[in-house]
């Protein structure tokens, strides 16, 4: 819980600066670049997130790797995280920043779980329906989960819509077991 609050606090700070500079999209792209670069190099991730690596080494690494790719205030934000020893929270901060930026752009991210890949037509129809229901522009991220058997499960924020065949079968089984238990009495 503390990490989430911490991430939100730092995300709001960089979000406010990005808003003032009219650079929401640019900052999001730069933060995603930082996250992908660190995640894509195990040695870099170890260096950045290990508590025994001295702050000057981390700051020098940030300046060398990202000098050309980041706006000065984004790079300074990363250096501040290192000074405050908050760099392990960076992925959560980036996630919260994206959520704040999406809220400002009236965009909601929908995690869609299906048993098989959706066609482009199905994705567009689902996005349109979810947009209609939420009043937001929907960006769909799909995950294949063959245990669903069929149907779809959609997660938007803390809301879950479960239209999977697996859930329907579980509900049917529970109903049958309940009916069987009452019939035996």
Protein backbone atom coordinates (compact mmCIF):
# COMPACT_ATOMS: atom_id res chain seq x y z
CA UNK A 1 0.00 0.00 0.00
CA UNK A 2 2.83 2.38 0.88
CA UNK A 3 4.50 1.72 -2.48
CA UNK A 4 1.26 2.51 -4.32
CA UNK A 5 0.84 5.81 -2.46
CA UNK A 6 4.48 6.65 -3.03
CA UNK A 7 4.17 5.85 -6.74
CA UNK A 8 1.05 7.98 -7.02
CA UNK A 9 2.73 10.93 -5.29
CA UNK A 10 5.73 10.88 -7.62
CA UNK A 11 3.56 10.20 -10.67
CA UNK A 12 1.39 13.21 -9.84
CA UNK A 13 4.50 15.37 -9.55
CA UNK A 14 5.84 14.45 -13.00
CA UNK A 15 2.29 14.58 -14.40
CA UNK A 16 1.83 18.17 -13.19
CA UNK A 17 5.13 19.23 -14.76
CA UNK A 18 4.25 17.47 -18.01
CA UNK A 19 0.83 19.18 -18.02
CA UNK A 20 2.42 22.61 -17.47
CA UNK A 21 4.78 21.97 -20.38
CA UNK A 22 1.98 20.50 -22.56
CA UNK A 23 4.08 17.35 -22.90
CA UNK A 24 1.87 14.51 -21.61
CA UNK A 25 2.52 12.28 -24.62
CA UNK A 26 6.22 13.07 -24.84
CA UNK A 27 6.82 12.35 -21.16
CA UNK A 28 4.84 9.10 -21.42
CA UNK A 29 6.96 7.97 -24.37
CA UNK A 30 10.17 8.89 -22.56
CA UNK A 31 9.14 7.10 -19.36
CA UNK A 32 8.18 4.02 -21.37
CA UNK A 33 11.58 4.16 -23.07
CA UNK A 34 13.31 4.25 -19.67
CA UNK A 35 11.22 1.35 -18.39
CA UNK A 36 11.77 -0.76 -21.52
CA UNK A 37 15.51 -0.05 -21.55
CA UNK A 38 15.95 -1.03 -17.92
CA UNK A 39 13.70 -4.09 -18.22
CA UNK A 40 15.47 -5.19 -21.40
CA UNK A 41 18.93 -5.28 -19.83
CA UNK A 42 19.31 -7.44 -16.74
CA UNK A 43 22.62 -5.86 -15.71
CA UNK A 44 21.14 -2.38 -15.98
CA UNK A 45 18.10 -3.40 -13.92
CA UNK A 46 20.39 -4.84 -11.25
CA UNK A 47 22.46 -1.67 -11.17
CA UNK A 48 19.42 0.62 -11.02
CA UNK A 49 17.39 -1.28 -8.45
CA UNK A 50 20.05 -2.75 -6.15
CA UNK A 51 20.20 -0.87 -2.84
CA UNK A 52 23.96 -1.28 -2.42
CA UNK A 53 24.87 0.42 -5.69
CA UNK A 54 25.90 3.99 -4.80
CA UNK A 55 23.68 6.83 -6.02
CA UNK A 56 26.48 8.55 -7.99
CA UNK A 57 26.97 5.40 -10.10
CA UNK A 58 23.24 5.22 -10.82
CA UNK A 59 23.07 8.93 -11.71
CA UNK A 60 26.08 8.66 -14.01
CA UNK A 61 24.46 5.66 -15.73
CA UNK A 62 21.20 7.58 -16.24
CA UNK A 63 23.06 10.56 -17.68
CA UNK A 64 25.12 8.40 -20.04
CA UNK A 65 22.33 6.18 -21.31
CA UNK A 66 19.52 8.70 -21.56
CA UNK A 67 21.30 12.02 -22.21
CA UNK A 68 20.06 12.26 -25.80
CA UNK A 69 16.63 10.68 -25.32
CA UNK A 70 15.08 12.52 -22.38
CA UNK A 71 13.96 16.07 -21.76
CA UNK A 72 16.02 17.68 -19.00
CA UNK A 73 13.14 17.70 -16.51
CA UNK A 74 12.45 13.98 -17.08
CA UNK A 75 16.11 13.15 -16.55
CA UNK A 76 16.17 15.37 -13.45
CA UNK A 77 13.10 13.53 -12.19
CA UNK A 78 14.95 10.22 -12.51
CA UNK A 79 17.97 11.69 -10.72
CA UNK A 80 15.68 12.89 -7.93
CA UNK A 81 14.32 9.37 -7.56
CA UNK A 82 17.88 8.12 -7.14
CA UNK A 83 18.67 10.85 -4.57
CA UNK A 84 15.56 9.89 -2.59
CA UNK A 85 16.33 6.15 -3.05
CA UNK A 86 12.98 5.65 -4.77
CA UNK A 87 14.23 4.11 -8.01
CA UNK A 88 12.76 0.65 -7.18
CA UNK A 89 9.32 2.31 -7.38
CA UNK A 90 9.96 3.51 -10.94
CA UNK A 91 7.82 0.88 -12.73
CA UNK A 92 4.87 1.65 -10.41
CA UNK A 93 5.42 5.40 -10.88
CA UNK A 94 5.37 4.99 -14.67
CA UNK A 95 2.19 2.89 -14.45
CA UNK A 96 0.49 5.58 -12.33
CA UNK A 97 1.69 8.34 -14.67
CA UNK A 98 0.16 6.55 -17.66
CA UNK A 99 -3.09 6.14 -15.75
CA UNK A 100 -3.18 9.86 -14.88
CA UNK A 101 -2.35 10.85 -18.46
CA UNK A 102 -5.01 8.51 -19.83
CA UNK A 103 -7.59 9.98 -17.44
CA UNK A 104 -6.71 13.45 -18.71
CA UNK A 105 -7.15 12.26 -22.31
CA UNK A 106 -10.42 10.42 -21.43
CA UNK A 107 -8.84 7.08 -22.25
CA UNK A 108 -9.43 3.86 -20.33
CA UNK A 109 -7.31 0.75 -20.75
CA UNK A 110 -9.25 -2.50 -20.97
CA UNK A 111 -7.50 -5.78 -20.26
CA UNK A 112 -9.34 -8.36 -22.35
CA UNK A 113 -8.88 -12.08 -21.74
CA UNK A 114 -10.13 -14.48 -24.41
CA UNK A 115 -9.72 -18.16 -25.21
CA UNK A 116 -8.53 -17.34 -28.73
CA UNK A 117 -7.25 -14.32 -30.63
CA UNK A 118 -9.85 -11.68 -31.51
CA UNK A 119 -10.13 -10.52 -35.10
CA UNK A 120 -9.62 -6.82 -35.76
CA UNK A 121 -13.36 -6.49 -36.39
CA UNK A 122 -14.13 -8.11 -33.01
CA UNK A 123 -11.61 -5.84 -31.26
CA UNK A 124 -13.16 -2.74 -32.79
CA UNK A 125 -16.70 -3.85 -31.92
CA UNK A 126 -15.68 -4.62 -28.34
CA UNK A 127 -13.86 -1.29 -28.00
CA UNK A 128 -16.92 0.55 -29.37
CA UNK A 129 -19.27 -1.21 -26.94
CA UNK A 130 -16.97 -0.58 -23.97
CA UNK A 131 -16.62 3.07 -25.02
CA UNK A 132 -20.38 3.35 -25.09
CA UNK A 133 -20.69 1.84 -21.61
CA UNK A 134 -17.83 3.79 -19.96
CA UNK A 135 -18.02 7.08 -21.85
CA UNK A 136 -14.27 6.87 -22.47
CA UNK A 137 -12.10 6.00 -25.42
CA UNK A 138 -10.99 2.43 -24.89
CA UNK A 139 -7.57 0.98 -25.59
CA UNK A 140 -7.66 -2.81 -25.59
CA UNK A 141 -4.84 -5.07 -24.42
CA UNK A 142 -5.59 -8.70 -25.13
CA UNK A 143 -4.34 -11.81 -23.38
CA UNK A 144 -5.07 -15.35 -24.50
CA UNK A 145 -6.28 -17.62 -21.67
CA UNK A 146 -7.46 -20.97 -22.99
CA UNK A 147 -8.85 -21.93 -19.57
CA UNK A 148 -11.75 -19.56 -20.28
CA UNK A 149 -12.96 -22.10 -22.88
CA UNK A 150 -14.87 -19.33 -24.67
CA UNK A 151 -16.35 -15.90 -24.11
CA UNK A 152 -14.49 -12.91 -22.78
CA UNK A 153 -13.34 -11.38 -19.48
CA UNK A 154 -12.80 -7.62 -19.43
CA UNK A 155 -11.03 -5.68 -16.70
CA UNK A 156 -11.22 -1.87 -16.74
CA UNK A 157 -9.64 -0.36 -13.66
CA UNK A 158 -11.23 -2.12 -10.70
CA UNK A 159 -14.27 -3.31 -12.67
CA UNK A 160 -14.48 -6.88 -13.95
CA UNK A 161 -16.93 -8.16 -16.56
CA UNK A 162 -16.79 -11.96 -16.74
CA UNK A 163 -18.62 -13.41 -19.73
CA UNK A 164 -16.50 -16.53 -19.94
CA UNK A 165 -17.82 -20.01 -20.56
CA UNK A 166 -15.67 -21.24 -17.64
CA UNK A 167 -17.52 -18.93 -15.22
CA UNK A 168 -20.89 -19.97 -16.63
CA UNK A 169 -19.97 -23.64 -16.18
CA UNK A 170 -18.90 -23.01 -12.57
CA UNK A 171 -22.20 -21.21 -11.89
CA UNK A 172 -24.14 -24.09 -13.47
CA UNK A 173 -22.20 -26.63 -11.39
CA UNK A 174 -22.90 -24.67 -8.20
CA UNK A 175 -26.60 -24.45 -9.07
CA UNK A 176 -26.79 -28.17 -9.78
CA UNK A 177 -25.02 -29.03 -6.54
CA UNK A 178 -27.37 -26.73 -4.61
CA UNK A 179 -30.43 -28.30 -6.27
CA UNK A 180 -29.07 -31.78 -5.59
CA UNK A 181 -28.47 -30.96 -1.92
CA UNK A 182 -32.01 -29.55 -1.47
CA UNK A 183 -33.56 -32.49 -3.32
CA UNK A 184 -31.79 -34.93 -0.99
CA UNK A 185 -33.30 -33.25 2.07
